[in-house]
């Protein structure tokens, strides 16, 4: 089984790390290429390009200037401990045992605008480059064109015959893949909450639930769709009644 998730805008480079193990990103040369392009842009341009505040633009301008290779534990941090958004709070990687971290390294992949695909222990430096950013790279008009088929091909090369791909990424990041070319059955869990007598996808809760699903798969050694349907964290439970497509199981609470 492989799982894909999105990165997070909020980062944590201060908490004490539970492991000293690390790996290097597969697409480090691309990350460096993209950074060189971003480093030429002034804060005002970054603010307009990324639709962010002047303060965030200044912060990320400085990040772009500070980017350096090679990545080391002194200038970088493992991705799973660097990202700090809702999904990662649901996953709670800081409480994982060493053997669970090793399995997470095998099954989890983080899609990234700058790094392409990251494994949990891949080192990364602070950045802000969402996949949907209209950044022109050479003749490529945006990051979707830039990454092209490479992320899909990379996943295919990693996956064994019969493995599931569990999509827990946002549409923005999942769109960087070519689902029709993925040589695996794709499962996309959907999380809904009752609000005003209606079932709705509430972004904050759904993001955290995606992280909890990763943790559940890890802790339960889930390998099949039936295993995934047994997910019951955060008071969610599988609803056959509300599931329209079997490869898009709906969990409600």
C-alpha atoms as a PDB file:
ATOM      1  CA  UNK A   1       0.000   0.000   0.000  1.00  0.00           C
ATOM      2  CA  UNK A   2       1.060   3.541  -0.715  1.00  0.00           C
ATOM      3  CA  UNK A   3      -0.588   6.681   0.662  1.00  0.00           C
ATOM      4  CA  UNK A   4      -0.342  10.197  -0.762  1.00  0.00           C
ATOM      5  CA  UNK A   5      -1.039  13.329   1.253  1.00  0.00           C
ATOM      6  CA  UNK A   6      -0.569  17.065   0.783  1.00  0.00           C
ATOM      7  CA  UNK A   7       2.106  19.193   2.453  1.00  0.00           C
ATOM      8  CA  UNK A   8       1.223  21.971   4.911  1.00  0.00           C
ATOM      9  CA  UNK A   9       1.769  25.715   4.866  1.00  0.00           C
ATOM     10  CA  UNK A  10       2.672  25.826   8.559  1.00  0.00           C
ATOM     11  CA  UNK A  11       6.097  24.449   9.453  1.00  0.00           C
ATOM     12  CA  UNK A  12       7.883  23.370  12.621  1.00  0.00           C
ATOM     13  CA  UNK A  13      11.667  23.515  12.735  1.00  0.00           C
ATOM     14  CA  UNK A  14      12.005  23.825  16.501  1.00  0.00           C
ATOM     15  CA  UNK A  15      10.559  20.752  18.283  1.00  0.00           C
ATOM     16  CA  UNK A  16      12.986  18.083  19.425  1.00  0.00           C
ATOM     17  CA  UNK A  17      13.260  15.283  16.875  1.00  0.00           C
ATOM     18  CA  UNK A  18      12.455  11.700  17.925  1.00  0.00           C
ATOM     19  CA  UNK A  19      14.924  10.190  15.433  1.00  0.00           C
ATOM     20  CA  UNK A  20      18.248  11.028  13.823  1.00  0.00           C
ATOM     21  CA  UNK A  21      17.520   8.954  10.722  1.00  0.00           C
ATOM     22  CA  UNK A  22      17.043  10.797   7.448  1.00  0.00           C
ATOM     23  CA  UNK A  23      17.033  10.334   3.688  1.00  0.00           C
ATOM     24  CA  UNK A  24      17.483  12.632   0.697  1.00  0.00           C
ATOM     25  CA  UNK A  25      14.667  13.786  -1.620  1.00  0.00           C
ATOM     26  CA  UNK A  26      14.430  12.022  -4.962  1.00  0.00           C
ATOM     27  CA  UNK A  27      13.927  15.292  -6.837  1.00  0.00           C
ATOM     28  CA  UNK A  28      16.476  17.437  -4.982  1.00  0.00           C
ATOM     29  CA  UNK A  29      17.872  18.825  -8.264  1.00  0.00           C
ATOM     30  CA  UNK A  30      14.397  20.041  -9.212  1.00  0.00           C
ATOM     31  CA  UNK A  31      13.913  21.616  -5.792  1.00  0.00           C
ATOM     32  CA  UNK A  32      17.171  23.508  -6.254  1.00  0.00           C
ATOM     33  CA  UNK A  33      16.185  24.586  -9.765  1.00  0.00           C
ATOM     34  CA  UNK A  34      12.820  25.894  -8.578  1.00  0.00           C
ATOM     35  CA  UNK A  35      14.438  27.697  -5.662  1.00  0.00           C
ATOM     36  CA  UNK A  36      16.895  29.468  -7.946  1.00  0.00           C
ATOM     37  CA  UNK A  37      13.917  30.741  -9.918  1.00  0.00           C
ATOM     38  CA  UNK A  38      12.083  31.891  -6.786  1.00  0.00           C
ATOM     39  CA  UNK A  39      15.191  33.455  -5.228  1.00  0.00           C
ATOM     40  CA  UNK A  40      15.303  35.988  -8.075  1.00  0.00           C
ATOM     41  CA  UNK A  41      11.832  37.280  -7.226  1.00  0.00           C
ATOM     42  CA  UNK A  42      11.474  40.184  -4.812  1.00  0.00           C
ATOM     43  CA  UNK A  43       9.028  40.018  -1.875  1.00  0.00           C
ATOM     44  CA  UNK A  44       6.436  42.143  -3.673  1.00  0.00           C
ATOM     45  CA  UNK A  45       6.443  39.758  -6.643  1.00  0.00           C
ATOM     46  CA  UNK A  46       6.158  36.749  -4.326  1.00  0.00           C
ATOM     47  CA  UNK A  47       3.192  38.355  -2.571  1.00  0.00           C
ATOM     48  CA  UNK A  48       1.357  38.739  -5.874  1.00  0.00           C
ATOM     49  CA  UNK A  49       2.391  35.338  -7.236  1.00  0.00           C
ATOM     50  CA  UNK A  50       1.319  33.438  -4.120  1.00  0.00           C
ATOM     51  CA  UNK A  51      -1.503  35.722  -2.934  1.00  0.00           C
ATOM     52  CA  UNK A  52       0.114  36.127   0.479  1.00  0.00           C
ATOM     53  CA  UNK A  53       0.666  39.043   2.850  1.00  0.00           C
ATOM     54  CA  UNK A  54       3.728  41.269   2.719  1.00  0.00           C
ATOM     55  CA  UNK A  55       5.020  39.708   5.950  1.00  0.00           C
ATOM     56  CA  UNK A  56       4.709  36.173   4.560  1.00  0.00           C
ATOM     57  CA  UNK A  57       6.297  37.302   1.310  1.00  0.00           C
ATOM     58  CA  UNK A  58       9.277  38.703   3.232  1.00  0.00           C
ATOM     59  CA  UNK A  59       9.582  35.482   5.248  1.00  0.00           C
ATOM     60  CA  UNK A  60       9.564  33.306   2.151  1.00  0.00           C
ATOM     61  CA  UNK A  61      11.909  35.615   0.270  1.00  0.00           C
ATOM     62  CA  UNK A  62      14.387  35.052   3.102  1.00  0.00           C
ATOM     63  CA  UNK A  63      13.792  31.298   2.972  1.00  0.00           C
ATOM     64  CA  UNK A  64      14.576  31.352  -0.731  1.00  0.00           C
ATOM     65  CA  UNK A  65      17.815  33.244  -0.096  1.00  0.00           C
ATOM     66  CA  UNK A  66      18.862  30.841   2.681  1.00  0.00           C
ATOM     67  CA  UNK A  67      18.283  27.680   0.611  1.00  0.00           C
ATOM     68  CA  UNK A  68      21.500  25.696   0.290  1.00  0.00           C
ATOM     69  CA  UNK A  69      22.692  22.259  -0.740  1.00  0.00           C
ATOM     70  CA  UNK A  70      23.664  19.682   0.236  1.00  0.00           C
ATOM     71  CA  UNK A  71      20.877  19.122   2.746  1.00  0.00           C
ATOM     72  CA  UNK A  72      22.137  18.120   6.178  1.00  0.00           C
ATOM     73  CA  UNK A  73      20.511  17.678   9.610  1.00  0.00           C
ATOM     74  CA  UNK A  74      22.007  21.067  10.464  1.00  0.00           C
ATOM     75  CA  UNK A  75      20.265  23.027   7.688  1.00  0.00           C
ATOM     76  CA  UNK A  76      17.208  20.830   7.036  1.00  0.00           C
ATOM     77  CA  UNK A  77      14.582  18.716   8.772  1.00  0.00           C
ATOM     78  CA  UNK A  78      12.762  15.462   7.975  1.00  0.00           C
ATOM     79  CA  UNK A  79       9.546  16.274   6.117  1.00  0.00           C
ATOM     80  CA  UNK A  80       7.190  14.398   8.438  1.00  0.00           C
ATOM     81  CA  UNK A  81       8.422  16.503  11.369  1.00  0.00           C
ATOM     82  CA  UNK A  82       8.707  19.767   9.429  1.00  0.00           C
ATOM     83  CA  UNK A  83       5.099  20.018   8.229  1.00  0.00           C
ATOM     84  CA  UNK A  84       2.732  21.124  10.970  1.00  0.00           C
ATOM     85  CA  UNK A  85      -0.775  21.476   9.501  1.00  0.00           C
ATOM     86  CA  UNK A  86      -4.070  19.782  10.337  1.00  0.00           C
ATOM     87  CA  UNK A  87      -3.239  16.542   8.500  1.00  0.00           C
ATOM     88  CA  UNK A  88       0.027  16.213  10.414  1.00  0.00           C
ATOM     89  CA  UNK A  89      -1.647  16.873  13.740  1.00  0.00           C
ATOM     90  CA  UNK A  90      -4.026  14.019  12.965  1.00  0.00           C
ATOM     91  CA  UNK A  91      -1.068  11.770  12.117  1.00  0.00           C
ATOM     92  CA  UNK A  92       0.930  12.853  15.209  1.00  0.00           C
ATOM     93  CA  UNK A  93       4.251  11.508  13.924  1.00  0.00           C
ATOM     94  CA  UNK A  94       6.146  12.621  17.039  1.00  0.00           C
ATOM     95  CA  UNK A  95       4.538   9.788  19.021  1.00  0.00           C
ATOM     96  CA  UNK A  96       5.445   7.016  16.571  1.00  0.00           C
ATOM     97  CA  UNK A  97       7.781   4.242  17.627  1.00  0.00           C
ATOM     98  CA  UNK A  98      10.914   3.619  15.566  1.00  0.00           C
ATOM     99  CA  UNK A  99       9.470   0.550  13.834  1.00  0.00           C
ATOM    100  CA  UNK A 100       6.337   2.517  12.898  1.00  0.00           C
ATOM    101  CA  UNK A 101       8.486   5.305  11.463  1.00  0.00           C
ATOM    102  CA  UNK A 102      10.251   2.722   9.287  1.00  0.00           C
ATOM    103  CA  UNK A 103       6.922   1.445   7.935  1.00  0.00           C
ATOM    104  CA  UNK A 104       5.690   5.014   7.416  1.00  0.00           C
ATOM    105  CA  UNK A 105       8.805   5.637   5.336  1.00  0.00           C
ATOM    106  CA  UNK A 106       7.778   2.761   3.082  1.00  0.00           C
ATOM    107  CA  UNK A 107       4.113   3.605   2.603  1.00  0.00           C
ATOM    108  CA  UNK A 108       3.655   7.394   2.855  1.00  0.00           C
ATOM    109  CA  UNK A 109       4.430   9.910   0.128  1.00  0.00           C
ATOM    110  CA  UNK A 110       3.976  13.692   0.444  1.00  0.00           C
ATOM    111  CA  UNK A 111       3.223  15.574  -2.768  1.00  0.00           C
ATOM    112  CA  UNK A 112       4.979  18.936  -2.988  1.00  0.00           C
ATOM    113  CA  UNK A 113       5.131  21.853  -5.391  1.00  0.00           C
ATOM    114  CA  UNK A 114       8.851  22.329  -4.828  1.00  0.00           C
ATOM    115  CA  UNK A 115      10.046  18.834  -3.955  1.00  0.00           C
ATOM    116  CA  UNK A 116       7.729  16.767  -6.168  1.00  0.00           C
ATOM    117  CA  UNK A 117       7.403  13.777  -3.853  1.00  0.00           C
ATOM    118  CA  UNK A 118       8.842  13.453  -0.355  1.00  0.00           C
ATOM    119  CA  UNK A 119       9.215  10.396   1.833  1.00  0.00           C
ATOM    120  CA  UNK A 120       8.631  11.029   5.550  1.00  0.00           C
ATOM    121  CA  UNK A 121      12.346  11.046   6.440  1.00  0.00           C
ATOM    122  CA  UNK A 122      13.496  13.055   3.424  1.00  0.00           C
ATOM    123  CA  UNK A 123      15.240  16.233   4.500  1.00  0.00           C
ATOM    124  CA  UNK A 124      13.681  19.500   3.377  1.00  0.00           C
ATOM    125  CA  UNK A 125      14.284  23.175   3.957  1.00  0.00           C
ATOM    126  CA  UNK A 126      11.503  25.686   4.746  1.00  0.00           C
ATOM    127  CA  UNK A 127       9.590  26.756   1.655  1.00  0.00           C
ATOM    128  CA  UNK A 128       6.282  28.046   0.346  1.00  0.00           C
ATOM    129  CA  UNK A 129       5.348  26.855  -3.131  1.00  0.00           C
ATOM    130  CA  UNK A 130       1.886  25.434  -3.515  1.00  0.00           C
ATOM    131  CA  UNK A 131       1.228  23.101  -6.423  1.00  0.00           C
ATOM    132  CA  UNK A 132      -1.444  25.430  -7.796  1.00  0.00           C
ATOM    133  CA  UNK A 133       0.938  28.399  -8.026  1.00  0.00           C
ATOM    134  CA  UNK A 134       1.124  29.775 -11.579  1.00  0.00           C
ATOM    135  CA  UNK A 135       4.912  29.734 -11.640  1.00  0.00           C
ATOM    136  CA  UNK A 136       6.362  29.639 -15.118  1.00  0.00           C
ATOM    137  CA  UNK A 137       9.400  27.356 -15.357  1.00  0.00           C
ATOM    138  CA  UNK A 138      11.095  27.634 -18.726  1.00  0.00           C
ATOM    139  CA  UNK A 139       8.475  26.706 -21.312  1.00  0.00           C
ATOM    140  CA  UNK A 140       6.217  25.174 -18.644  1.00  0.00           C
ATOM    141  CA  UNK A 141       3.455  27.594 -17.680  1.00  0.00           C
ATOM    142  CA  UNK A 142       2.848  26.121 -14.216  1.00  0.00           C
ATOM    143  CA  UNK A 143       3.962  23.424 -11.792  1.00  0.00           C
ATOM    144  CA  UNK A 144       1.496  20.838 -13.105  1.00  0.00           C
ATOM    145  CA  UNK A 145       3.162  21.088 -16.506  1.00  0.00           C
ATOM    146  CA  UNK A 146       6.614  21.193 -14.941  1.00  0.00           C
ATOM    147  CA  UNK A 147       6.166  17.945 -12.998  1.00  0.00           C
ATOM    148  CA  UNK A 148       4.224  16.401 -15.884  1.00  0.00           C
ATOM    149  CA  UNK A 149       4.157  12.595 -15.708  1.00  0.00           C
ATOM    150  CA  UNK A 150       7.201  12.245 -13.486  1.00  0.00           C
ATOM    151  CA  UNK A 151       5.391  11.999 -10.154  1.00  0.00           C
ATOM    152  CA  UNK A 152       3.040   9.332 -11.496  1.00  0.00           C
ATOM    153  CA  UNK A 153       5.936   7.394 -13.020  1.00  0.00           C
ATOM    154  CA  UNK A 154       7.829   7.605  -9.741  1.00  0.00           C
ATOM    155  CA  UNK A 155       4.880   6.162  -7.814  1.00  0.00           C
ATOM    156  CA  UNK A 156       4.411   3.401 -10.367  1.00  0.00           C
ATOM    157  CA  UNK A 157       8.064   2.426 -10.069  1.00  0.00           C
ATOM    158  CA  UNK A 158       7.734   2.215  -6.293  1.00  0.00           C
ATOM    159  CA  UNK A 159       4.530   0.178  -6.192  1.00  0.00           C
ATOM    160  CA  UNK A 160       4.265  -3.586  -6.401  1.00  0.00           C
ATOM    161  CA  UNK A 161       1.564  -5.429  -8.318  1.00  0.00           C
ATOM    162  CA  UNK A 162      -1.691  -5.541  -6.352  1.00  0.00           C
ATOM    163  CA  UNK A 163      -0.825  -2.658  -4.024  1.00  0.00           C
ATOM    164  CA  UNK A 164      -3.485  -0.052  -3.233  1.00  0.00           C
ATOM    165  CA  UNK A 165      -2.911   3.676  -3.579  1.00  0.00           C
ATOM    166  CA  UNK A 166      -4.818   5.535  -0.857  1.00  0.00           C
ATOM    167  CA  UNK A 167      -5.422   9.129  -1.886  1.00  0.00           C
ATOM    168  CA  UNK A 168      -5.605  11.397   1.149  1.00  0.00           C
ATOM    169  CA  UNK A 169      -4.323  14.476  -0.681  1.00  0.00           C
ATOM    170  CA  UNK A 170      -6.289  17.596  -1.534  1.00  0.00           C
ATOM    171  CA  UNK A 171      -7.546  18.051  -5.095  1.00  0.00           C
ATOM    172  CA  UNK A 172      -4.843  20.670  -5.676  1.00  0.00           C
ATOM    173  CA  UNK A 173      -2.087  18.137  -5.080  1.00  0.00           C
ATOM    174  CA  UNK A 174      -3.781  14.985  -6.330  1.00  0.00           C
ATOM    175  CA  UNK A 175      -4.205  16.807  -9.663  1.00  0.00           C
ATOM    176  CA  UNK A 176      -0.421  16.670 -10.053  1.00  0.00           C
ATOM    177  CA  UNK A 177      -0.812  12.925 -10.622  1.00  0.00           C
ATOM    178  CA  UNK A 178      -2.247  11.171 -13.668  1.00  0.00           C
ATOM    179  CA  UNK A 179      -4.767   8.750 -12.108  1.00  0.00           C
ATOM    180  CA  UNK A 180      -5.502   6.958 -15.392  1.00  0.00           C
ATOM    181  CA  UNK A 181      -1.818   6.058 -15.675  1.00  0.00           C
ATOM    182  CA  UNK A 182      -1.396   4.797 -12.119  1.00  0.00           C
ATOM    183  CA  UNK A 183      -1.015   1.028 -12.097  1.00  0.00           C
ATOM    184  CA  UNK A 184      -2.956   0.447  -8.895  1.00  0.00           C
ATOM    185  CA  UNK A 185      -6.466   0.536  -7.494  1.00  0.00           C
ATOM    186  CA  UNK A 186      -7.002   4.015  -6.061  1.00  0.00           C
ATOM    187  CA  UNK A 187      -8.995   4.465  -2.862  1.00  0.00           C
ATOM    188  CA  UNK A 188     -10.115   7.996  -1.918  1.00  0.00           C
ATOM    189  CA  UNK A 189     -11.697   8.153   1.563  1.00  0.00           C
ATOM    190  CA  UNK A 190     -14.208  10.965   2.121  1.00  0.00           C
ATOM    191  CA  UNK A 191     -14.946  12.411   5.559  1.00  0.00           C
ATOM    192  CA  UNK A 192     -18.241  14.141   6.319  1.00  0.00           C
ATOM    193  CA  UNK A 193     -19.794  15.699   9.414  1.00  0.00           C
ATOM    194  CA  UNK A 194     -23.403  16.361  10.279  1.00  0.00           C
ATOM    195  CA  UNK A 195     -24.081  20.089  10.398  1.00  0.00           C
ATOM    196  CA  UNK A 196     -27.532  21.687  10.411  1.00  0.00           C
ATOM    197  CA  UNK A 197     -29.056  18.281   9.686  1.00  0.00           C
ATOM    198  CA  UNK A 198     -26.894  17.841   6.575  1.00  0.00           C
ATOM    199  CA  UNK A 199     -23.753  15.876   5.873  1.00  0.00           C
ATOM    200  CA  UNK A 200     -20.933  18.167   4.769  1.00  0.00           C
ATOM    201  CA  UNK A 201     -17.216  18.031   4.172  1.00  0.00           C
ATOM    202  CA  UNK A 202     -15.825  20.504   6.702  1.00  0.00           C
ATOM    203  CA  UNK A 203     -12.289  21.322   5.617  1.00  0.00           C
ATOM    204  CA  UNK A 204     -10.623  21.532   9.038  1.00  0.00           C
ATOM    205  CA  UNK A 205     -12.139  18.261  10.262  1.00  0.00           C
ATOM    206  CA  UNK A 206     -11.569  16.472   6.947  1.00  0.00           C
ATOM    207  CA  UNK A 207      -7.878  17.423   6.911  1.00  0.00           C
ATOM    208  CA  UNK A 208      -7.319  16.152  10.426  1.00  0.00           C
ATOM    209  CA  UNK A 209      -9.240  12.966   9.594  1.00  0.00           C
ATOM    210  CA  UNK A 210      -6.913  12.333   6.649  1.00  0.00           C
ATOM    211  CA  UNK A 211      -3.993  12.392   9.054  1.00  0.00           C
ATOM    212  CA  UNK A 212      -5.849  10.127  11.462  1.00  0.00           C
ATOM    213  CA  UNK A 213      -6.495   7.714   8.590  1.00  0.00           C
ATOM    214  CA  UNK A 214      -2.752   7.540   7.885  1.00  0.00           C
ATOM    215  CA  UNK A 215      -2.167   6.802  11.564  1.00  0.00           C
ATOM    216  CA  UNK A 216      -4.902   4.156  11.571  1.00  0.00           C
ATOM    217  CA  UNK A 217      -3.463   2.408   8.502  1.00  0.00           C
ATOM    218  CA  UNK A 218      -0.052   2.446  10.152  1.00  0.00           C
ATOM    219  CA  UNK A 219      -1.174   1.226  13.577  1.00  0.00           C
ATOM    220  CA  UNK A 220      -3.550  -1.451  12.259  1.00  0.00           C
ATOM    221  CA  UNK A 221      -1.328  -2.667   9.400  1.00  0.00           C
ATOM    222  CA  UNK A 222      -4.277  -2.118   7.047  1.00  0.00           C
ATOM    223  CA  UNK A 223      -3.699  -3.450   3.527  1.00  0.00           C
ATOM    224  CA  UNK A 224      -7.125  -3.781   1.914  1.00  0.00           C
ATOM    225  CA  UNK A 225     -10.217  -1.685   1.276  1.00  0.00           C
ATOM    226  CA  UNK A 226     -12.073  -3.733   3.885  1.00  0.00           C
ATOM    227  CA  UNK A 227      -9.349  -2.909   6.400  1.00  0.00           C
ATOM    228  CA  UNK A 228      -9.726   0.796   5.587  1.00  0.00           C
ATOM    229  CA  UNK A 229     -13.489   0.645   6.107  1.00  0.00           C
ATOM    230  CA  UNK A 230     -12.855  -0.333   9.742  1.00  0.00           C
ATOM    231  CA  UNK A 231     -11.411   3.134  10.436  1.00  0.00           C
ATOM    232  CA  UNK A 232     -13.057   4.464  13.598  1.00  0.00           C
ATOM    233  CA  UNK A 233     -10.856   7.252  14.964  1.00  0.00           C
ATOM    234  CA  UNK A 234     -12.201  10.678  15.970  1.00  0.00           C
ATOM    235  CA  UNK A 235     -15.721   9.165  16.134  1.00  0.00           C
ATOM    236  CA  UNK A 236     -15.897   8.581  12.372  1.00  0.00           C
ATOM    237  CA  UNK A 237     -17.357   5.370  11.016  1.00  0.00           C
ATOM    238  CA  UNK A 238     -17.827   3.951   7.542  1.00  0.00           C
ATOM    239  CA  UNK A 239     -21.273   4.500   6.013  1.00  0.00           C
ATOM    240  CA  UNK A 240     -22.280   2.144   3.222  1.00  0.00           C
ATOM    241  CA  UNK A 241     -25.514   4.118   2.889  1.00  0.00           C
ATOM    242  CA  UNK A 242     -23.679   7.316   1.949  1.00  0.00           C
ATOM    243  CA  UNK A 243     -20.984   5.649  -0.167  1.00  0.00           C
ATOM    244  CA  UNK A 244     -21.782   6.059  -3.868  1.00  0.00           C
ATOM    245  CA  UNK A 245     -18.561   4.641  -5.328  1.00  0.00           C
ATOM    246  CA  UNK A 246     -16.917   1.724  -3.542  1.00  0.00           C
ATOM    247  CA  UNK A 247     -13.446   3.168  -4.127  1.00  0.00           C
ATOM    248  CA  UNK A 248     -14.592   6.415  -2.441  1.00  0.00           C
ATOM    249  CA  UNK A 249     -15.703   5.144   1.001  1.00  0.00           C
ATOM    250  CA  UNK A 250     -17.561   7.759   3.034  1.00  0.00           C
ATOM    251  CA  UNK A 251     -16.936   8.098   6.749  1.00  0.00           C
ATOM    252  CA  UNK A 252     -19.396  10.113   8.813  1.00  0.00           C
ATOM    253  CA  UNK A 253     -19.822  11.374  12.356  1.00  0.00           C
END
